[in-house]
Amino acid sequence: RSSRRSKRHAMIGRIVRPADFERVLATTPRSRSAHFAVHHVAGSPSRARSAVATGPSEGVVPVLSPELSTGLHQNRLESVDESKPTPVLGHWLGLVVPKRHAKRAVTRNLIKRQIRTAMASHAGNLPGGLWVVRLKQPFDRKQFVSPASDQLQQAAHAEVAQLFARAVSASA
């Protein structure tokens, strides 16, 4: 069973670049709940820019050798245009769980685990692309006294599962 779970998680990539988060969060949420919002953009994460500098017109840019020598290497100039459309081949997940809404790391990690689990179970029904889940409201500290209580885990799991179920029905 554990091998099946790891394969499901392996199919979902991570969003790591701030530009990708900004692009997805600029859209209206696909689904909302009392504590969370889910945003989606079809596409793939942007590629990291290569270390290309503007240089002489002959297309050669002097670059220091990785061995820290003073020798020069020949590099061709490449386009840094990242706006080319790429086919959607998978799912990428980004999580925004700010400290102001979940003060303790234990709580933030619990919420992130619940989001990843819900995404893995619903990924087969969701359209491909970039998905960002954002915690927009803190859980009540009076109701959930312990930062990693079973009650908080169950509440977060139920809410996130319902959130993705709504996102699935909205995409259908």
N, C-alpha and C. Protein backbone atom coordinates (compact mmCIF):
# COMPACT_ATOMS: atom_id res chain seq x y z
N ARG A 1 0.81 -1.19 0.00
CA ARG A 1 0.00 0.00 0.00
C ARG A 1 0.86 1.26 0.00
N SER A 2 1.96 1.22 0.73
CA SER A 2 2.81 2.41 0.79
C SER A 2 3.42 2.74 -0.56
N SER A 3 3.69 1.72 -1.39
CA SER A 3 4.25 2.00 -2.72
C SER A 3 3.22 2.68 -3.60
N ARG A 4 1.94 2.31 -3.44
CA ARG A 4 0.91 2.97 -4.22
C ARG A 4 0.77 4.42 -3.82
N ARG A 5 0.85 4.69 -2.53
CA ARG A 5 0.74 6.06 -2.04
C ARG A 5 1.89 6.92 -2.56
N SER A 6 3.12 6.39 -2.53
CA SER A 6 4.26 7.18 -2.99
C SER A 6 4.18 7.45 -4.48
N LYS A 7 3.61 6.51 -5.25
CA LYS A 7 3.46 6.75 -6.68
C LYS A 7 2.45 7.86 -6.93
N ARG A 8 1.37 7.90 -6.14
CA ARG A 8 0.40 8.97 -6.32
C ARG A 8 1.02 10.31 -6.01
N HIS A 9 1.81 10.39 -4.95
CA HIS A 9 2.43 11.65 -4.60
C HIS A 9 3.51 12.04 -5.61
N ALA A 10 4.15 11.06 -6.23
CA ALA A 10 5.19 11.36 -7.19
C ALA A 10 4.62 12.01 -8.44
N MET A 11 3.35 11.78 -8.73
CA MET A 11 2.73 12.35 -9.91
C MET A 11 2.42 13.84 -9.73
N ILE A 12 2.39 14.31 -8.50
CA ILE A 12 2.07 15.70 -8.22
C ILE A 12 3.36 16.43 -7.91
N GLY A 13 3.68 17.41 -8.77
CA GLY A 13 4.89 18.19 -8.56
C GLY A 13 4.65 19.33 -7.58
N ARG A 14 5.72 19.99 -7.22
CA ARG A 14 5.64 21.13 -6.30
C ARG A 14 5.84 22.42 -7.05
N ILE A 15 5.09 23.42 -6.71
CA ILE A 15 5.32 24.77 -7.22
C ILE A 15 6.32 25.41 -6.28
N VAL A 16 7.42 25.91 -6.83
CA VAL A 16 8.45 26.48 -5.97
C VAL A 16 8.81 27.92 -6.33
N ARG A 17 8.54 28.34 -7.55
CA ARG A 17 8.94 29.69 -7.96
C ARG A 17 7.89 30.72 -7.57
N PRO A 18 8.30 31.82 -6.99
CA PRO A 18 7.34 32.87 -6.62
C PRO A 18 6.51 33.38 -7.79
N ALA A 19 7.08 33.42 -8.98
CA ALA A 19 6.34 33.88 -10.15
C ALA A 19 5.16 32.96 -10.45
N ASP A 20 5.33 31.67 -10.23
CA ASP A 20 4.23 30.72 -10.44
C ASP A 20 3.13 30.92 -9.40
N PHE A 21 3.52 31.13 -8.14
CA PHE A 21 2.53 31.40 -7.11
C PHE A 21 1.74 32.67 -7.44
N GLU A 22 2.44 33.72 -7.86
CA GLU A 22 1.77 34.98 -8.19
C GLU A 22 0.80 34.79 -9.35
N ARG A 23 1.21 34.03 -10.35
CA ARG A 23 0.37 33.80 -11.52
C ARG A 23 -0.91 33.07 -11.13
N VAL A 24 -0.80 32.06 -10.28
CA VAL A 24 -1.97 31.28 -9.88
C VAL A 24 -2.85 32.08 -8.92
N LEU A 25 -2.25 32.74 -7.95
CA LEU A 25 -3.03 33.49 -6.96
C LEU A 25 -3.70 34.73 -7.55
N ALA A 26 -3.29 35.17 -8.74
CA ALA A 26 -3.92 36.30 -9.39
C ALA A 26 -5.30 35.94 -9.96
N THR A 27 -5.58 34.64 -10.07
CA THR A 27 -6.87 34.20 -10.58
C THR A 27 -7.89 34.15 -9.46
N THR A 28 -9.17 34.12 -9.83
CA THR A 28 -10.21 33.97 -8.82
C THR A 28 -10.19 32.53 -8.32
N PRO A 29 -10.52 32.32 -7.06
CA PRO A 29 -10.50 30.96 -6.52
C PRO A 29 -11.49 30.05 -7.25
N ARG A 30 -11.08 28.84 -7.49
CA ARG A 30 -11.95 27.84 -8.11
C ARG A 30 -12.94 27.30 -7.09
N SER A 31 -12.51 27.23 -5.82
CA SER A 31 -13.35 26.72 -4.75
C SER A 31 -12.93 27.40 -3.45
N ARG A 32 -13.91 27.64 -2.57
CA ARG A 32 -13.65 28.27 -1.27
C ARG A 32 -14.37 27.53 -0.17
N SER A 33 -13.81 27.64 1.02
CA SER A 33 -14.47 27.12 2.21
C SER A 33 -14.24 28.14 3.33
N ALA A 34 -14.63 27.77 4.53
CA ALA A 34 -14.49 28.71 5.65
C ALA A 34 -13.03 29.10 5.90
N HIS A 35 -12.10 28.17 5.67
CA HIS A 35 -10.70 28.43 5.99
C HIS A 35 -9.77 28.44 4.78
N PHE A 36 -10.18 27.88 3.65
CA PHE A 36 -9.28 27.68 2.52
C PHE A 36 -9.83 28.27 1.23
N ALA A 37 -8.93 28.49 0.28
CA ALA A 37 -9.27 28.85 -1.09
C ALA A 37 -8.35 28.06 -2.02
N VAL A 38 -8.92 27.55 -3.11
CA VAL A 38 -8.15 26.79 -4.10
C VAL A 38 -8.13 27.59 -5.40
N HIS A 39 -6.94 27.81 -5.93
CA HIS A 39 -6.75 28.51 -7.19
C HIS A 39 -6.17 27.55 -8.21
N HIS A 40 -6.50 27.75 -9.49
CA HIS A 40 -6.01 26.86 -10.54
C HIS A 40 -5.70 27.65 -11.80
N VAL A 41 -4.61 27.25 -12.47
CA VAL A 41 -4.25 27.77 -13.78
C VAL A 41 -3.79 26.59 -14.62
N ALA A 42 -4.34 26.47 -15.82
CA ALA A 42 -3.89 25.42 -16.73
C ALA A 42 -2.50 25.78 -17.22
N GLY A 43 -1.64 24.83 -17.32
CA GLY A 43 -0.29 25.07 -17.80
C GLY A 43 0.73 24.34 -16.96
N SER A 44 1.96 24.70 -17.16
CA SER A 44 3.08 24.10 -16.44
C SER A 44 3.83 25.20 -15.71
N PRO A 45 4.63 24.82 -14.73
CA PRO A 45 5.45 25.83 -14.05
C PRO A 45 6.43 26.48 -15.02
N SER A 46 6.74 27.72 -14.76
CA SER A 46 7.70 28.41 -15.60
C SER A 46 9.09 27.82 -15.38
N ARG A 47 9.88 27.88 -16.41
CA ARG A 47 11.24 27.35 -16.31
C ARG A 47 12.13 28.38 -15.65
N ALA A 48 13.14 27.90 -14.97
CA ALA A 48 14.12 28.81 -14.37
C ALA A 48 14.92 29.46 -15.49
N ARG A 49 15.18 30.71 -15.32
CA ARG A 49 15.97 31.41 -16.34
C ARG A 49 17.39 30.91 -16.32
N SER A 50 17.95 30.71 -17.51
CA SER A 50 19.35 30.31 -17.57
C SER A 50 20.21 31.55 -17.34
N ALA A 51 21.40 31.32 -16.92
CA ALA A 51 22.30 32.44 -16.63
C ALA A 51 22.84 32.99 -17.94
N VAL A 52 22.01 33.80 -18.60
CA VAL A 52 22.38 34.38 -19.88
C VAL A 52 22.45 35.88 -19.72
N ALA A 53 23.54 36.45 -20.13
CA ALA A 53 23.71 37.89 -20.07
C ALA A 53 23.71 38.43 -21.50
N THR A 54 23.33 39.70 -21.62
CA THR A 54 23.40 40.29 -22.95
C THR A 54 24.84 40.63 -23.23
N GLY A 55 25.31 40.21 -24.35
CA GLY A 55 26.72 40.37 -24.67
C GLY A 55 26.91 40.89 -26.07
N PRO A 56 28.08 40.64 -26.65
CA PRO A 56 28.37 41.11 -27.98
C PRO A 56 27.42 40.52 -29.01
N SER A 57 27.29 41.21 -30.11
CA SER A 57 26.33 40.80 -31.13
C SER A 57 26.71 39.49 -31.82
N GLU A 58 27.95 39.04 -31.71
CA GLU A 58 28.32 37.78 -32.36
C GLU A 58 27.80 36.56 -31.62
N GLY A 59 27.05 36.73 -30.52
CA GLY A 59 26.41 35.62 -29.84
C GLY A 59 27.30 34.88 -28.86
N VAL A 60 28.42 35.48 -28.46
CA VAL A 60 29.32 34.84 -27.53
C VAL A 60 29.36 35.66 -26.26
N VAL A 61 29.15 35.00 -25.12
CA VAL A 61 29.16 35.68 -23.84
C VAL A 61 30.28 35.09 -23.00
N PRO A 62 31.19 35.92 -22.49
CA PRO A 62 32.24 35.37 -21.63
C PRO A 62 31.65 34.95 -20.29
N VAL A 63 31.96 33.74 -19.87
CA VAL A 63 31.49 33.20 -18.60
C VAL A 63 32.67 32.54 -17.91
N LEU A 64 32.78 32.75 -16.60
CA LEU A 64 33.86 32.12 -15.86
C LEU A 64 33.65 30.62 -15.82
N SER A 65 34.72 29.90 -15.85
CA SER A 65 34.68 28.44 -15.80
C SER A 65 34.18 27.98 -14.44
N PRO A 66 33.47 26.84 -14.37
CA PRO A 66 33.03 26.33 -13.08
C PRO A 66 34.20 25.97 -12.17
N GLU A 67 35.37 25.75 -12.75
CA GLU A 67 36.55 25.41 -11.94
C GLU A 67 37.20 26.65 -11.36
N LEU A 68 36.58 27.80 -11.50
CA LEU A 68 37.07 29.07 -10.98
C LEU A 68 38.38 29.52 -11.64
N SER A 69 38.61 29.08 -12.86
CA SER A 69 39.77 29.57 -13.58
C SER A 69 39.43 30.90 -14.22
N THR A 70 40.40 31.54 -14.78
CA THR A 70 40.14 32.81 -15.44
C THR A 70 39.86 32.63 -16.93
N GLY A 71 39.79 31.38 -17.38
CA GLY A 71 39.51 31.11 -18.78
C GLY A 71 38.08 31.46 -19.14
N LEU A 72 37.82 31.68 -20.43
CA LEU A 72 36.49 32.03 -20.91
C LEU A 72 35.91 30.86 -21.69
N HIS A 73 34.62 30.67 -21.56
CA HIS A 73 33.90 29.64 -22.30
C HIS A 73 32.99 30.31 -23.31
N GLN A 74 32.67 29.61 -24.37
CA GLN A 74 31.78 30.12 -25.40
C GLN A 74 30.35 29.65 -25.10
N ASN A 75 29.43 30.56 -24.90
CA ASN A 75 28.01 30.22 -24.71
C ASN A 75 27.20 30.95 -25.75
N ARG A 76 26.20 30.27 -26.27
CA ARG A 76 25.30 30.92 -27.23
C ARG A 76 24.21 31.66 -26.44
N LEU A 77 23.77 32.78 -27.03
CA LEU A 77 22.66 33.50 -26.42
C LEU A 77 21.39 32.71 -26.64
N GLU A 78 20.57 32.59 -25.60
CA GLU A 78 19.30 31.90 -25.70
C GLU A 78 18.19 32.86 -25.33
N SER A 79 17.02 32.59 -25.85
CA SER A 79 15.85 33.39 -25.53
C SER A 79 15.45 33.12 -24.09
N VAL A 80 15.05 34.19 -23.38
CA VAL A 80 14.59 34.02 -22.01
C VAL A 80 13.07 34.17 -21.94
N ASP A 81 12.41 34.10 -23.09
CA ASP A 81 10.96 34.21 -23.12
C ASP A 81 10.33 32.99 -22.48
N GLU A 82 9.56 33.22 -21.42
CA GLU A 82 8.91 32.13 -20.70
C GLU A 82 7.43 32.05 -21.03
N SER A 83 6.95 32.87 -21.98
CA SER A 83 5.52 32.93 -22.24
C SER A 83 5.05 31.91 -23.27
N LYS A 84 5.94 31.06 -23.76
CA LYS A 84 5.54 30.07 -24.73
C LYS A 84 4.59 29.07 -24.08
N PRO A 85 3.46 28.78 -24.73
CA PRO A 85 2.55 27.82 -24.12
C PRO A 85 3.14 26.42 -24.13
N THR A 86 2.99 25.75 -23.02
CA THR A 86 3.47 24.37 -22.92
C THR A 86 2.28 23.48 -22.63
N PRO A 87 2.29 22.27 -23.14
CA PRO A 87 1.16 21.39 -22.88
C PRO A 87 1.08 21.01 -21.40
N VAL A 88 -0.14 20.84 -20.93
CA VAL A 88 -0.35 20.45 -19.54
C VAL A 88 -0.20 18.94 -19.45
N LEU A 89 0.81 18.50 -18.74
CA LEU A 89 1.09 17.08 -18.64
C LEU A 89 0.90 16.54 -17.23
N GLY A 90 0.65 17.37 -16.27
CA GLY A 90 0.55 16.88 -14.91
C GLY A 90 -0.07 17.90 -13.97
N HIS A 91 0.07 17.62 -12.70
CA HIS A 91 -0.44 18.48 -11.65
C HIS A 91 0.73 18.99 -10.82
N TRP A 92 0.66 20.27 -10.46
CA TRP A 92 1.65 20.87 -9.57
C TRP A 92 0.89 21.54 -8.45
N LEU A 93 1.35 21.36 -7.23
CA LEU A 93 0.66 21.87 -6.06
C LEU A 93 1.54 22.84 -5.31
N GLY A 94 0.95 23.96 -4.95
CA GLY A 94 1.61 24.94 -4.10
C GLY A 94 0.76 25.16 -2.86
N LEU A 95 1.40 25.34 -1.73
CA LEU A 95 0.69 25.53 -0.47
C LEU A 95 1.06 26.86 0.15
N VAL A 96 0.05 27.59 0.60
CA VAL A 96 0.27 28.85 1.30
C VAL A 96 -0.41 28.72 2.66
N VAL A 97 0.41 28.50 3.68
CA VAL A 97 -0.10 28.36 5.05
C VAL A 97 0.70 29.35 5.90
N PRO A 98 0.23 30.59 5.98
CA PRO A 98 1.02 31.63 6.66
C PRO A 98 1.03 31.48 8.18
N LYS A 99 2.10 31.98 8.77
CA LYS A 99 2.26 31.93 10.23
C LYS A 99 1.19 32.74 10.94
N ARG A 100 0.69 33.75 10.32
CA ARG A 100 -0.31 34.58 11.01
C ARG A 100 -1.63 33.82 11.20
N HIS A 101 -1.86 32.75 10.40
CA HIS A 101 -3.08 31.95 10.53
C HIS A 101 -2.84 30.64 11.28
N ALA A 102 -1.61 30.18 11.33
CA ALA A 102 -1.26 28.95 12.06
C ALA A 102 0.09 29.21 12.71
N LYS A 103 0.05 29.64 13.95
CA LYS A 103 1.26 30.11 14.64
C LYS A 103 2.33 29.03 14.80
N ARG A 104 1.92 27.82 15.09
CA ARG A 104 2.89 26.77 15.39
C ARG A 104 3.19 25.93 14.16
N ALA A 105 4.45 25.54 14.02
CA ALA A 105 4.88 24.73 12.88
C ALA A 105 4.15 23.39 12.83
N VAL A 106 3.82 22.85 14.00
CA VAL A 106 3.09 21.58 14.06
C VAL A 106 1.75 21.71 13.35
N THR A 107 1.07 22.81 13.59
CA THR A 107 -0.23 23.05 12.96
C THR A 107 -0.07 23.26 11.46
N ARG A 108 0.91 24.05 11.07
CA ARG A 108 1.12 24.29 9.63
C ARG A 108 1.44 22.99 8.91
N ASN A 109 2.28 22.15 9.49
CA ASN A 109 2.64 20.88 8.86
C ASN A 109 1.44 19.94 8.79
N LEU A 110 0.62 19.91 9.82
CA LEU A 110 -0.58 19.08 9.81
C LEU A 110 -1.51 19.50 8.67
N ILE A 111 -1.72 20.80 8.53
CA ILE A 111 -2.60 21.31 7.48
C ILE A 111 -2.01 20.98 6.10
N LYS A 112 -0.73 21.15 5.92
CA LYS A 112 -0.10 20.84 4.64
C LYS A 112 -0.23 19.36 4.29
N ARG A 113 -0.06 18.48 5.28
CA ARG A 113 -0.23 17.04 5.02
C ARG A 113 -1.65 16.73 4.57
N GLN A 114 -2.62 17.35 5.21
CA GLN A 114 -4.02 17.11 4.84
C GLN A 114 -4.30 17.60 3.42
N ILE A 115 -3.73 18.73 3.05
CA ILE A 115 -3.93 19.26 1.69
C ILE A 115 -3.30 18.34 0.67
N ARG A 116 -2.06 17.88 0.92
CA ARG A 116 -1.39 16.99 -0.03
C ARG A 116 -2.16 15.67 -0.19
N THR A 117 -2.67 15.13 0.90
CA THR A 117 -3.44 13.90 0.85
C THR A 117 -4.72 14.08 0.03
N ALA A 118 -5.42 15.18 0.25
CA ALA A 118 -6.65 15.44 -0.50
C ALA A 118 -6.35 15.65 -1.98
N MET A 119 -5.28 16.35 -2.29
CA MET A 119 -4.91 16.57 -3.69
C MET A 119 -4.58 15.24 -4.35
N ALA A 120 -3.85 14.38 -3.66
CA ALA A 120 -3.47 13.09 -4.24
C ALA A 120 -4.70 12.23 -4.51
N SER A 121 -5.69 12.29 -3.64
CA SER A 121 -6.88 11.46 -3.85
C SER A 121 -7.81 12.02 -4.92
N HIS A 122 -7.77 13.32 -5.18
CA HIS A 122 -8.64 13.93 -6.19
C HIS A 122 -7.93 14.23 -7.50
N ALA A 123 -6.63 14.03 -7.59
CA ALA A 123 -5.87 14.43 -8.77
C ALA A 123 -6.36 13.77 -10.05
N GLY A 124 -6.83 12.53 -9.96
CA GLY A 124 -7.31 11.85 -11.16
C GLY A 124 -8.52 12.51 -11.78
N ASN A 125 -9.30 13.25 -10.99
CA ASN A 125 -10.51 13.90 -11.49
C ASN A 125 -10.31 15.39 -11.78
N LEU A 126 -9.18 15.94 -11.38
CA LEU A 126 -8.91 17.37 -11.58
C LEU A 126 -8.18 17.61 -12.89
N PRO A 127 -8.46 18.73 -13.56
CA PRO A 127 -7.69 19.05 -14.76
C PRO A 127 -6.24 19.34 -14.39
N GLY A 128 -5.34 19.08 -15.31
CA GLY A 128 -3.93 19.33 -15.07
C GLY A 128 -3.63 20.81 -14.95
N GLY A 129 -2.49 21.09 -14.38
CA GLY A 129 -2.07 22.48 -14.27
C GLY A 129 -1.53 22.79 -12.90
N LEU A 130 -1.48 24.07 -12.59
CA LEU A 130 -0.95 24.56 -11.33
C LEU A 130 -2.10 24.77 -10.35
N TRP A 131 -2.00 24.19 -9.19
CA TRP A 131 -3.01 24.31 -8.14
C TRP A 131 -2.35 24.90 -6.90
N VAL A 132 -2.97 25.93 -6.34
CA VAL A 132 -2.48 26.52 -5.09
C VAL A 132 -3.62 26.51 -4.09
N VAL A 133 -3.35 25.97 -2.92
CA VAL A 133 -4.31 25.97 -1.81
C VAL A 133 -3.79 26.94 -0.78
N ARG A 134 -4.66 27.87 -0.39
CA ARG A 134 -4.26 28.94 0.53
C ARG A 134 -5.12 28.90 1.78
N LEU A 135 -4.47 28.88 2.94
CA LEU A 135 -5.18 29.02 4.21
C LEU A 135 -5.48 30.50 4.37
N LYS A 136 -6.77 30.86 4.35
CA LYS A 136 -7.12 32.28 4.39
C LYS A 136 -7.69 32.72 5.73
N GLN A 137 -7.97 31.76 6.61
CA GLN A 137 -8.56 32.06 7.90
C GLN A 137 -8.02 31.08 8.94
N PRO A 138 -7.65 31.54 10.13
CA PRO A 138 -7.14 30.59 11.13
C PRO A 138 -8.26 29.73 11.72
N PHE A 139 -7.88 28.54 12.17
CA PHE A 139 -8.82 27.70 12.91
C PHE A 139 -8.95 28.26 14.31
N ASP A 140 -10.13 28.15 14.90
CA ASP A 140 -10.41 28.70 16.22
C ASP A 140 -9.55 28.01 17.28
N ARG A 141 -8.73 28.78 17.98
CA ARG A 141 -7.83 28.22 18.99
C ARG A 141 -8.58 27.75 20.25
N LYS A 142 -9.77 28.28 20.45
CA LYS A 142 -10.56 27.84 21.60
C LYS A 142 -11.18 26.47 21.33
N GLN A 143 -11.55 26.24 20.08
CA GLN A 143 -12.14 24.96 19.72
C GLN A 143 -11.06 23.88 19.56
N PHE A 144 -9.91 24.26 19.00
CA PHE A 144 -8.81 23.32 18.78
C PHE A 144 -7.63 23.76 19.64
N VAL A 145 -7.64 23.35 20.90
CA VAL A 145 -6.65 23.80 21.87
C VAL A 145 -5.26 23.29 21.51
N SER A 146 -5.15 22.01 21.20
CA SER A 146 -3.86 21.41 20.87
C SER A 146 -3.51 21.73 19.41
N PRO A 147 -2.25 22.07 19.13
CA PRO A 147 -1.88 22.43 17.76
C PRO A 147 -1.89 21.26 16.78
N ALA A 148 -1.87 20.03 17.27
CA ALA A 148 -1.88 18.87 16.38
C ALA A 148 -2.88 17.83 16.88
N SER A 149 -4.04 18.31 17.32
CA SER A 149 -5.04 17.40 17.86
C SER A 149 -5.72 16.60 16.76
N ASP A 150 -6.30 15.48 17.14
CA ASP A 150 -7.05 14.66 16.19
C ASP A 150 -8.26 15.42 15.66
N GLN A 151 -8.88 16.24 16.52
CA GLN A 151 -10.03 17.02 16.09
C GLN A 151 -9.65 18.00 14.98
N LEU A 152 -8.49 18.67 15.15
CA LEU A 152 -8.03 19.60 14.11
C LEU A 152 -7.71 18.85 12.83
N GLN A 153 -7.07 17.71 12.95
CA GLN A 153 -6.73 16.90 11.77
C GLN A 153 -8.00 16.49 11.04
N GLN A 154 -9.00 16.02 11.74
CA GLN A 154 -10.25 15.59 11.12
C GLN A 154 -10.99 16.77 10.49
N ALA A 155 -11.00 17.91 11.17
CA ALA A 155 -11.69 19.09 10.63
C ALA A 155 -11.00 19.59 9.37
N ALA A 156 -9.67 19.66 9.39
CA ALA A 156 -8.93 20.11 8.21
C ALA A 156 -9.10 19.13 7.06
N HIS A 157 -9.04 17.83 7.36
CA HIS A 157 -9.20 16.81 6.32
C HIS A 157 -10.57 16.90 5.66
N ALA A 158 -11.62 17.00 6.47
CA ALA A 158 -12.98 17.07 5.93
C ALA A 158 -13.18 18.33 5.08
N GLU A 159 -12.66 19.45 5.55
CA GLU A 159 -12.85 20.71 4.82
C GLU A 159 -12.08 20.71 3.51
N VAL A 160 -10.85 20.22 3.53
CA VAL A 160 -10.04 20.20 2.30
C VAL A 160 -10.60 19.19 1.30
N ALA A 161 -11.07 18.04 1.78
CA ALA A 161 -11.68 17.05 0.88
C ALA A 161 -12.91 17.63 0.21
N GLN A 162 -13.73 18.34 0.97
CA GLN A 162 -14.92 18.98 0.41
C GLN A 162 -14.52 20.07 -0.59
N LEU A 163 -13.46 20.79 -0.29
CA LEU A 163 -12.97 21.84 -1.16
C LEU A 163 -12.55 21.28 -2.52
N PHE A 164 -11.80 20.18 -2.52
CA PHE A 164 -11.39 19.56 -3.78
C PHE A 164 -12.56 18.91 -4.49
N ALA A 165 -13.51 18.37 -3.76
CA ALA A 165 -14.70 17.80 -4.40
C ALA A 165 -15.46 18.89 -5.15
N ARG A 166 -15.56 20.07 -4.57
CA ARG A 166 -16.20 21.20 -5.25
C ARG A 166 -15.40 21.63 -6.48
N ALA A 167 -14.08 21.61 -6.36
CA ALA A 167 -13.24 21.98 -7.50
C ALA A 167 -13.41 20.98 -8.64
N VAL A 168 -13.58 19.70 -8.31
CA VAL A 168 -13.81 18.67 -9.33
C VAL A 168 -15.14 18.94 -10.03
N SER A 169 -16.19 19.22 -9.26
CA SER A 169 -17.50 19.47 -9.86
C SER A 169 -17.51 20.76 -10.66
N ALA A 170 -16.73 21.74 -10.25
CA ALA A 170 -16.65 23.00 -11.00
C ALA A 170 -15.92 22.83 -12.32
N SER A 171 -14.97 21.89 -12.37
CA SER A 171 -14.23 21.68 -13.61
C SER A 171 -14.97 20.78 -14.59
N ALA A 172 -15.99 20.06 -14.11
CA ALA A 172 -16.73 19.15 -14.99
C ALA A 172 -17.73 19.85 -15.87
